[in-house]
Every structure is written in C-alpha cells, then in structure tokens.
Amino acid sequence: MATKASLLSLGLVAAGLFSVSATAAELEISVVNLTHGNHFTPLLIAAHDADSHLFEVGGTATPALQKMAEGGDIGDLDAAVTGAGGQTSANPAMGLLAPGATVNEVMLDSMDMTHLSIVAMVLPTNDAFIGLDGWEIPTEAGSYTVYLNAYDAGTEANDEMVNGGGMSGVPGIPAAPGGDAGMNGTGVMDGSSNSYVHIHPGVLGDTDAAGGSSDLDSRIHRWLNPVAKVVVTVK
C-alpha cells in the first residue's frame, strides 16, 4: 500500500499545497553526459514545489520511479508532476544522450514552482539512474552548475546481464545502446542488500565478451561519480 511519503515522492500533492515564490523564473538548462561509455535514456526535467520529489535517497522507489529506473519510461513521473501543477521538459534530447554528449538550451518556465529535479536511466544497467532531487531554484539571475550522481533504485539485483529486461520487476538489462556489451554472462552480484534508493556502486564488468560473469565491459561501462553535469541559467 502506498505510504504518505511515497505519494509525496510522486508529486501527488494538492495544487493548493504548492508553495508560491515571489517571482517566476525562466530557466535555460543544459545536461552533459560525463560517462565514458554509458547512455542516458530520455531525460525528465521538472520544476515543482518544495514538498514534492521524483525520488528520495534512503526511501523506497515508487512504481513510477521503478518504471523509469528499470526501463527508462518517464511517462508516469511526468504525469504526476504536471497533474500536481508542476512544469516539465520531457525528453529534451529527443532520445538517448550518448557518452560525452550535451543537450543545450532546454527552456523551462518554472512559473511559481521553487525546486528542480532531473532523472534519467543509465544504460547499460538494470536500475541505475542519474538524479537531482529537489534542488532549490536560485532567486537571483545567473548561471549555476550542479553535478549529478548515479543512484541505484534498489528494486532488483544488479546481475549485469543484457537480456532485454526493462519491464518493472523483470531482472536484467534492457540493452547496451553502444552495441559494446558481451553475452553469455553467468551473472555478477554487487553483494548489496539495500532495497532503498542509494548511491549506485557502479558496474563491475569483465573483459570476456563471450562469457564470464558479466555482459558489461569493465573498460567501457564502469564509472565514477559524478556522471552528469547540469548548468542552470536563471533569466
């Protein structure tokens, strides 16, 4: 059964509970993929009130967050934010954001919303995502830089097997967009039993493209945080 906290993390609060800032902010946003060999699925950039969250570190992933983290589906999160009066830019890169790539000049009118959140799944992983949670939008004009970590949704084991999974609750990795994964991995676990949203430990990988314990290549798919750079210009 959904808890009060999980409903808040979906942004499902009454419009009348939104805090109102003195002035609306016109935002110009860029997102850079800092990883060596991982793609980001369609981004969701959301302006919302202080009490709403797309995710919360240390909390249980909501069904909407699970759909995004395991399969890249931002539809439910987007609907929750807009349904509660928030503002979003969904899929501004028009698809995947490749390693080293940038999406620029994403315009978002925050209206009377005071906080900014950003999410996208990291591929190839089974439930990793980049995340900015409830960053307070500055009231002074200028450019502000924020670096984003990769988080583990805690919804399934990190077995590092590319098997077309991606539906909620289906183990495994949906795909390796760079076409650079191996096959026939026996499955590698990171030893974690943390079922809450937490900093992702990173992939382990191996160098055996035809077998081994992992379908991921340790020379390509491993990362260190941060994994994304965000520049927010407040007009």
C-alpha atoms as a PDB file:
ATOM      1  CA  MET A   1       0.000   0.000   0.000  1.00  0.00           C
ATOM      2  CA  ALA A   2       1.341   3.412  -0.903  1.00  0.00           C
ATOM      3  CA  THR A   3       2.529   5.446   2.063  1.00  0.00           C
ATOM      4  CA  LYS A   4       2.125   9.156   2.516  1.00  0.00           C
ATOM      5  CA  ALA A   5       5.829   9.567   1.774  1.00  0.00           C
ATOM      6  CA  SER A   6       5.596   7.602  -1.466  1.00  0.00           C
ATOM      7  CA  LEU A   7       2.698   9.730  -2.640  1.00  0.00           C
ATOM      8  CA  LEU A   8       4.696  12.848  -1.946  1.00  0.00           C
ATOM      9  CA  SER A   9       7.639  11.439  -3.877  1.00  0.00           C
ATOM     10  CA  LEU A  10       5.348  11.066  -6.855  1.00  0.00           C
ATOM     11  CA  GLY A  11       4.421  14.712  -6.537  1.00  0.00           C
ATOM     12  CA  LEU A  12       0.795  13.833  -5.849  1.00  0.00           C
ATOM     13  CA  VAL A  13       0.005  16.765  -3.602  1.00  0.00           C
ATOM     14  CA  ALA A  14      -2.928  19.073  -3.976  1.00  0.00           C
ATOM     15  CA  ALA A  15      -2.255  22.126  -6.093  1.00  0.00           C
ATOM     16  CA  GLY A  16      -3.288  24.302  -3.181  1.00  0.00           C
ATOM     17  CA  LEU A  17      -0.358  22.991  -1.107  1.00  0.00           C
ATOM     18  CA  PHE A  18       2.259  24.283  -3.536  1.00  0.00           C
ATOM     19  CA  SER A  19       4.420  27.000  -2.028  1.00  0.00           C
ATOM     20  CA  VAL A  20       4.422  30.192  -4.057  1.00  0.00           C
ATOM     21  CA  SER A  21       7.564  32.142  -4.769  1.00  0.00           C
ATOM     22  CA  ALA A  22       7.615  35.868  -5.204  1.00  0.00           C
ATOM     23  CA  THR A  23       8.560  35.714  -8.891  1.00  0.00           C
ATOM     24  CA  ALA A  24       8.549  33.100 -11.620  1.00  0.00           C
ATOM     25  CA  ALA A  25      11.898  32.062 -13.117  1.00  0.00           C
ATOM     26  CA  GLU A  26      12.640  31.392 -16.765  1.00  0.00           C
ATOM     27  CA  LEU A  27      15.303  28.661 -16.816  1.00  0.00           C
ATOM     28  CA  GLU A  28      17.741  27.606 -19.513  1.00  0.00           C
ATOM     29  CA  ILE A  29      19.227  24.195 -18.762  1.00  0.00           C
ATOM     30  CA  SER A  30      21.990  22.054 -20.230  1.00  0.00           C
ATOM     31  CA  VAL A  31      22.856  18.475 -19.307  1.00  0.00           C
ATOM     32  CA  VAL A  32      26.185  16.807 -20.125  1.00  0.00           C
ATOM     33  CA  ASN A  33      26.766  13.039 -20.009  1.00  0.00           C
ATOM     34  CA  LEU A  34      30.149  12.694 -18.274  1.00  0.00           C
ATOM     35  CA  THR A  35      30.452   8.908 -18.550  1.00  0.00           C
ATOM     36  CA  HIS A  36      32.931   7.070 -20.746  1.00  0.00           C
ATOM     37  CA  GLY A  37      30.570   4.502 -22.236  1.00  0.00           C
ATOM     38  CA  ASN A  38      27.031   4.806 -20.865  1.00  0.00           C
ATOM     39  CA  HIS A  39      23.925   6.364 -22.370  1.00  0.00           C
ATOM     40  CA  PHE A  40      21.112   8.222 -20.618  1.00  0.00           C
ATOM     41  CA  THR A  41      17.536   7.380 -21.552  1.00  0.00           C
ATOM     42  CA  PRO A  42      15.095  10.280 -22.153  1.00  0.00           C
ATOM     43  CA  LEU A  43      15.531  12.945 -19.514  1.00  0.00           C
ATOM     44  CA  LEU A  44      12.771  14.348 -17.343  1.00  0.00           C
ATOM     45  CA  ILE A  45      13.410  17.862 -16.064  1.00  0.00           C
ATOM     46  CA  ALA A  46      10.775  19.023 -13.601  1.00  0.00           C
ATOM     47  CA  ALA A  47      10.026  22.203 -11.661  1.00  0.00           C
ATOM     48  CA  HIS A  48       7.843  21.534  -8.622  1.00  0.00           C
ATOM     49  CA  ASP A  49       7.132  22.658  -5.075  1.00  0.00           C
ATOM     50  CA  ALA A  50       9.328  22.018  -2.041  1.00  0.00           C
ATOM     51  CA  ASP A  51       7.290  19.072  -0.776  1.00  0.00           C
ATOM     52  CA  SER A  52       7.351  17.006  -3.976  1.00  0.00           C
ATOM     53  CA  HIS A  53      10.045  14.560  -5.050  1.00  0.00           C
ATOM     54  CA  LEU A  54      10.713  12.366  -8.068  1.00  0.00           C
ATOM     55  CA  PHE A  55      12.829  10.234  -5.741  1.00  0.00           C
ATOM     56  CA  GLU A  56      14.297  10.416  -2.257  1.00  0.00           C
ATOM     57  CA  VAL A  57      17.629   8.919  -1.237  1.00  0.00           C
ATOM     58  CA  GLY A  58      17.035   6.419   1.554  1.00  0.00           C
ATOM     59  CA  GLY A  59      13.408   5.970   0.570  1.00  0.00           C
ATOM     60  CA  THR A  60      11.671   3.157  -1.272  1.00  0.00           C
ATOM     61  CA  ALA A  61      11.304   3.597  -5.013  1.00  0.00           C
ATOM     62  CA  THR A  62       7.760   4.345  -6.117  1.00  0.00           C
ATOM     63  CA  PRO A  63       6.255   2.368  -9.022  1.00  0.00           C
ATOM     64  CA  ALA A  64       6.766   5.412 -11.271  1.00  0.00           C
ATOM     65  CA  LEU A  65      10.438   5.683 -10.309  1.00  0.00           C
ATOM     66  CA  GLN A  66      10.883   1.939 -10.809  1.00  0.00           C
ATOM     67  CA  LYS A  67       9.500   2.179 -14.355  1.00  0.00           C
ATOM     68  CA  MET A  68      11.995   4.929 -15.136  1.00  0.00           C
ATOM     69  CA  ALA A  69      14.991   3.293 -13.430  1.00  0.00           C
ATOM     70  CA  GLU A  70      14.447  -0.194 -14.909  1.00  0.00           C
ATOM     71  CA  GLY A  71      13.123   0.699 -18.352  1.00  0.00           C
ATOM     72  CA  GLY A  72      13.621   4.415 -18.996  1.00  0.00           C
ATOM     73  CA  ASP A  73       9.876   5.156 -19.001  1.00  0.00           C
ATOM     74  CA  ILE A  74       9.354   8.702 -17.671  1.00  0.00           C
ATOM     75  CA  GLY A  75       5.638   8.876 -18.507  1.00  0.00           C
ATOM     76  CA  ASP A  76       4.243   8.257 -15.022  1.00  0.00           C
ATOM     77  CA  LEU A  77       6.669  10.643 -13.328  1.00  0.00           C
ATOM     78  CA  ASP A  78       5.890  13.320 -15.907  1.00  0.00           C
ATOM     79  CA  ALA A  79       2.144  12.861 -15.438  1.00  0.00           C
ATOM     80  CA  ALA A  80       2.468  13.074 -11.657  1.00  0.00           C
ATOM     81  CA  VAL A  81       4.368  16.369 -11.798  1.00  0.00           C
ATOM     82  CA  THR A  82       2.113  18.044 -14.337  1.00  0.00           C
ATOM     83  CA  GLY A  83      -1.001  16.674 -12.659  1.00  0.00           C
ATOM     84  CA  ALA A  84       0.039  18.417  -9.448  1.00  0.00           C
ATOM     85  CA  GLY A  85       0.666  21.738 -11.180  1.00  0.00           C
ATOM     86  CA  GLY A  86       4.390  21.410 -11.850  1.00  0.00           C
ATOM     87  CA  GLN A  87       6.241  22.204 -15.068  1.00  0.00           C
ATOM     88  CA  THR A  88       8.289  19.702 -17.060  1.00  0.00           C
ATOM     89  CA  SER A  89      10.528  19.277 -20.060  1.00  0.00           C
ATOM     90  CA  ALA A  90      10.256  15.624 -21.106  1.00  0.00           C
ATOM     91  CA  ASN A  91      12.828  14.068 -23.446  1.00  0.00           C
ATOM     92  CA  PRO A  92      14.552  17.331 -24.464  1.00  0.00           C
ATOM     93  CA  ALA A  93      17.403  15.420 -26.161  1.00  0.00           C
ATOM     94  CA  MET A  94      14.836  13.648 -28.374  1.00  0.00           C
ATOM     95  CA  GLY A  95      16.095  10.216 -27.412  1.00  0.00           C
ATOM     96  CA  LEU A  96      19.253   8.872 -25.794  1.00  0.00           C
ATOM     97  CA  LEU A  97      22.044  11.134 -24.569  1.00  0.00           C
ATOM     98  CA  ALA A  98      25.288   9.455 -25.605  1.00  0.00           C
ATOM     99  CA  PRO A  99      28.552   9.425 -23.629  1.00  0.00           C
ATOM    100  CA  GLY A 100      30.131  12.878 -23.798  1.00  0.00           C
ATOM    101  CA  ALA A 101      27.057  14.402 -25.427  1.00  0.00           C
ATOM    102  CA  THR A 102      25.213  17.527 -24.287  1.00  0.00           C
ATOM    103  CA  VAL A 103      21.656  18.724 -24.611  1.00  0.00           C
ATOM    104  CA  ASN A 104      21.625  22.522 -24.603  1.00  0.00           C
ATOM    105  CA  GLU A 105      19.122  25.354 -24.390  1.00  0.00           C
ATOM    106  CA  VAL A 106      16.368  23.427 -22.656  1.00  0.00           C
ATOM    107  CA  MET A 107      13.901  26.173 -21.757  1.00  0.00           C
ATOM    108  CA  LEU A 108      11.628  25.732 -18.756  1.00  0.00           C
ATOM    109  CA  ASP A 109       9.344  28.324 -17.211  1.00  0.00           C
ATOM    110  CA  SER A 110       9.199  27.353 -13.552  1.00  0.00           C
ATOM    111  CA  MET A 111       6.092  29.511 -13.012  1.00  0.00           C
ATOM    112  CA  ASP A 112       5.551  29.563  -9.216  1.00  0.00           C
ATOM    113  CA  MET A 113       7.476  26.318  -8.613  1.00  0.00           C
ATOM    114  CA  THR A 114      10.539  26.618  -6.391  1.00  0.00           C
ATOM    115  CA  HIS A 115      12.521  23.395  -6.846  1.00  0.00           C
ATOM    116  CA  LEU A 116      14.099  21.480  -9.729  1.00  0.00           C
ATOM    117  CA  SER A 117      14.548  17.725 -10.212  1.00  0.00           C
ATOM    118  CA  ILE A 118      16.110  15.706 -13.047  1.00  0.00           C
ATOM    119  CA  VAL A 119      16.132  11.958 -13.730  1.00  0.00           C
ATOM    120  CA  ALA A 120      17.111   9.538 -16.498  1.00  0.00           C
ATOM    121  CA  MET A 121      18.050   5.860 -16.577  1.00  0.00           C
ATOM    122  CA  VAL A 122      21.680   4.880 -17.181  1.00  0.00           C
ATOM    123  CA  LEU A 123      22.201   2.216 -19.863  1.00  0.00           C
ATOM    124  CA  PRO A 124      23.503  -0.449 -19.796  1.00  0.00           C
ATOM    125  CA  THR A 125      22.412  -1.038 -16.195  1.00  0.00           C
ATOM    126  CA  ASN A 126      19.367  -2.718 -14.695  1.00  0.00           C
ATOM    127  CA  ASP A 127      18.146   0.045 -12.350  1.00  0.00           C
ATOM    128  CA  ALA A 128      20.662   2.890 -12.217  1.00  0.00           C
ATOM    129  CA  PHE A 129      19.611   6.477 -12.878  1.00  0.00           C
ATOM    130  CA  ILE A 130      21.029   9.966 -12.750  1.00  0.00           C
ATOM    131  CA  GLY A 131      19.287  12.134 -10.218  1.00  0.00           C
ATOM    132  CA  LEU A 132      18.825  15.674  -8.994  1.00  0.00           C
ATOM    133  CA  ASP A 133      16.365  15.758  -6.106  1.00  0.00           C
ATOM    134  CA  GLY A 134      14.553  18.942  -5.160  1.00  0.00           C
ATOM    135  CA  TRP A 135      17.304  21.486  -5.888  1.00  0.00           C
ATOM    136  CA  GLU A 136      16.120  24.919  -4.812  1.00  0.00           C
ATOM    137  CA  ILE A 137      15.944  27.257  -7.802  1.00  0.00           C
ATOM    138  CA  PRO A 138      18.007  30.390  -7.102  1.00  0.00           C
ATOM    139  CA  THR A 139      16.099  33.657  -6.973  1.00  0.00           C
ATOM    140  CA  GLU A 140      18.997  35.670  -8.419  1.00  0.00           C
ATOM    141  CA  ALA A 141      19.712  35.676 -12.150  1.00  0.00           C
ATOM    142  CA  GLY A 142      22.880  33.877 -13.195  1.00  0.00           C
ATOM    143  CA  SER A 143      24.354  30.502 -14.156  1.00  0.00           C
ATOM    144  CA  TYR A 144      24.629  27.687 -11.631  1.00  0.00           C
ATOM    145  CA  THR A 145      26.450  24.359 -12.071  1.00  0.00           C
ATOM    146  CA  VAL A 146      25.360  21.127 -10.381  1.00  0.00           C
ATOM    147  CA  TYR A 147      26.998  17.693 -10.715  1.00  0.00           C
ATOM    148  CA  LEU A 148      24.756  14.626 -10.545  1.00  0.00           C
ATOM    149  CA  ASN A 149      25.486  11.184  -9.118  1.00  0.00           C
ATOM    150  CA  ALA A 150      24.146   7.870 -10.337  1.00  0.00           C
ATOM    151  CA  TYR A 151      21.693   6.221  -7.962  1.00  0.00           C
ATOM    152  CA  ASP A 152      20.520   2.633  -7.592  1.00  0.00           C
ATOM    153  CA  ALA A 153      16.733   2.362  -7.349  1.00  0.00           C
ATOM    154  CA  GLY A 154      17.123  -0.705  -5.133  1.00  0.00           C
ATOM    155  CA  THR A 155      14.374  -2.521  -6.992  1.00  0.00           C
ATOM    156  CA  GLU A 156      16.304  -5.528  -8.314  1.00  0.00           C
ATOM    157  CA  ALA A 157      19.671  -7.275  -8.126  1.00  0.00           C
ATOM    158  CA  ASN A 158      22.488  -5.839 -10.227  1.00  0.00           C
ATOM    159  CA  ASP A 159      23.191  -9.000 -12.200  1.00  0.00           C
ATOM    160  CA  GLU A 160      24.819  -7.238 -15.216  1.00  0.00           C
ATOM    161  CA  MET A 161      23.125  -9.476 -17.788  1.00  0.00           C
ATOM    162  CA  VAL A 162      21.847  -7.866 -21.010  1.00  0.00           C
ATOM    163  CA  ASN A 163      18.673  -9.832 -21.663  1.00  0.00           C
ATOM    164  CA  GLY A 164      16.075  -7.362 -22.906  1.00  0.00           C
ATOM    165  CA  GLY A 165      14.618  -6.802 -19.422  1.00  0.00           C
ATOM    166  CA  GLY A 166      13.146  -3.406 -18.750  1.00  0.00           C
ATOM    167  CA  MET A 167       9.615  -4.006 -17.577  1.00  0.00           C
ATOM    168  CA  SER A 168       9.207  -3.384 -13.858  1.00  0.00           C
ATOM    169  CA  GLY A 169      10.168  -6.460 -11.879  1.00  0.00           C
ATOM    170  CA  VAL A 170      11.858  -8.208 -14.816  1.00  0.00           C
ATOM    171  CA  PRO A 171      15.540  -8.844 -13.948  1.00  0.00           C
ATOM    172  CA  GLY A 172      18.346  -7.836 -16.248  1.00  0.00           C
ATOM    173  CA  ILE A 173      19.453  -5.002 -18.504  1.00  0.00           C
ATOM    174  CA  PRO A 174      17.242  -3.859 -21.404  1.00  0.00           C
ATOM    175  CA  ALA A 175      20.043  -3.131 -23.884  1.00  0.00           C
ATOM    176  CA  ALA A 176      23.514  -1.741 -24.462  1.00  0.00           C
ATOM    177  CA  PRO A 177      22.864   1.170 -26.851  1.00  0.00           C
ATOM    178  CA  GLY A 178      26.509   1.384 -27.894  1.00  0.00           C
ATOM    179  CA  GLY A 179      26.468  -2.218 -29.141  1.00  0.00           C
ATOM    180  CA  ASP A 180      29.506  -2.823 -26.943  1.00  0.00           C
ATOM    181  CA  ALA A 181      28.250  -5.445 -24.474  1.00  0.00           C
ATOM    182  CA  GLY A 182      29.204  -9.084 -24.350  1.00  0.00           C
ATOM    183  CA  MET A 183      26.950 -12.106 -23.980  1.00  0.00           C
ATOM    184  CA  ASN A 184      26.518 -15.361 -22.070  1.00  0.00           C
ATOM    185  CA  GLY A 185      27.419 -13.818 -18.728  1.00  0.00           C
ATOM    186  CA  THR A 186      26.628 -16.036 -15.764  1.00  0.00           C
ATOM    187  CA  GLY A 187      25.575 -13.084 -13.623  1.00  0.00           C
ATOM    188  CA  VAL A 188      27.544 -10.975 -11.193  1.00  0.00           C
ATOM    189  CA  MET A 189      26.133  -9.545  -7.986  1.00  0.00           C
ATOM    190  CA  ASP A 190      27.485  -6.496  -6.176  1.00  0.00           C
ATOM    191  CA  GLY A 191      26.658  -8.051  -2.807  1.00  0.00           C
ATOM    192  CA  SER A 192      24.255  -5.265  -1.893  1.00  0.00           C
ATOM    193  CA  SER A 193      21.078  -5.960   0.036  1.00  0.00           C
ATOM    194  CA  ASN A 194      19.981  -2.305   0.066  1.00  0.00           C
ATOM    195  CA  SER A 195      16.412  -2.135  -1.231  1.00  0.00           C
ATOM    196  CA  TYR A 196      16.197   1.642  -0.855  1.00  0.00           C
ATOM    197  CA  VAL A 197      17.352   4.350  -3.249  1.00  0.00           C
ATOM    198  CA  HIS A 198      21.099   4.710  -2.699  1.00  0.00           C
ATOM    199  CA  ILE A 199      24.305   5.760  -4.426  1.00  0.00           C
ATOM    200  CA  HIS A 200      24.989   3.223  -7.168  1.00  0.00           C
ATOM    201  CA  PRO A 201      28.149   1.178  -6.519  1.00  0.00           C
ATOM    202  CA  GLY A 202      28.962   1.198 -10.239  1.00  0.00           C
ATOM    203  CA  VAL A 203      29.176  -1.803 -12.509  1.00  0.00           C
ATOM    204  CA  LEU A 204      31.884  -4.453 -12.150  1.00  0.00           C
ATOM    205  CA  GLY A 205      32.063  -5.832 -15.674  1.00  0.00           C
ATOM    206  CA  ASP A 206      34.761  -8.085 -17.089  1.00  0.00           C
ATOM    207  CA  THR A 207      36.775  -8.359 -20.311  1.00  0.00           C
ATOM    208  CA  ASP A 208      35.272 -11.591 -21.640  1.00  0.00           C
ATOM    209  CA  ALA A 209      32.893 -10.675 -24.470  1.00  0.00           C
ATOM    210  CA  ALA A 210      31.752 -14.277 -24.962  1.00  0.00           C
ATOM    211  CA  GLY A 211      31.169 -15.318 -21.358  1.00  0.00           C
ATOM    212  CA  GLY A 212      32.471 -14.553 -17.924  1.00  0.00           C
ATOM    213  CA  SER A 213      30.358 -13.276 -15.061  1.00  0.00           C
ATOM    214  CA  SER A 214      29.158 -10.046 -16.690  1.00  0.00           C
ATOM    215  CA  ASP A 215      27.857  -8.923 -20.072  1.00  0.00           C
ATOM    216  CA  LEU A 216      29.308  -5.468 -19.409  1.00  0.00           C
ATOM    217  CA  ASP A 217      32.820  -4.418 -20.356  1.00  0.00           C
ATOM    218  CA  SER A 218      34.798  -3.105 -17.397  1.00  0.00           C
ATOM    219  CA  ARG A 219      36.911  -0.971 -19.758  1.00  0.00           C
ATOM    220  CA  ILE A 220      33.862   0.800 -21.188  1.00  0.00           C
ATOM    221  CA  HIS A 221      30.913   0.740 -18.821  1.00  0.00           C
ATOM    222  CA  ARG A 222      32.442   1.372 -15.407  1.00  0.00           C
ATOM    223  CA  TRP A 223      32.061   4.870 -13.986  1.00  0.00           C
ATOM    224  CA  LEU A 224      32.902   7.079 -11.052  1.00  0.00           C
ATOM    225  CA  ASN A 225      30.515   9.710  -9.745  1.00  0.00           C
ATOM    226  CA  PRO A 226      29.548  12.306 -10.797  1.00  0.00           C
ATOM    227  CA  VAL A 227      28.050  11.092 -14.066  1.00  0.00           C
ATOM    228  CA  ALA A 228      26.332  14.254 -15.308  1.00  0.00           C
ATOM    229  CA  LYS A 229      26.885  17.998 -15.289  1.00  0.00           C
ATOM    230  CA  VAL A 230      23.924  20.348 -15.232  1.00  0.00           C
ATOM    231  CA  VAL A 231      24.117  24.088 -15.866  1.00  0.00           C
ATOM    232  CA  VAL A 232      21.018  26.080 -14.927  1.00  0.00           C
ATOM    233  CA  THR A 233      20.779  29.668 -16.107  1.00  0.00           C
ATOM    234  CA  VAL A 234      18.172  31.718 -14.290  1.00  0.00           C
ATOM    235  CA  LYS A 235      16.967  34.508 -16.528  1.00  0.00           C
END
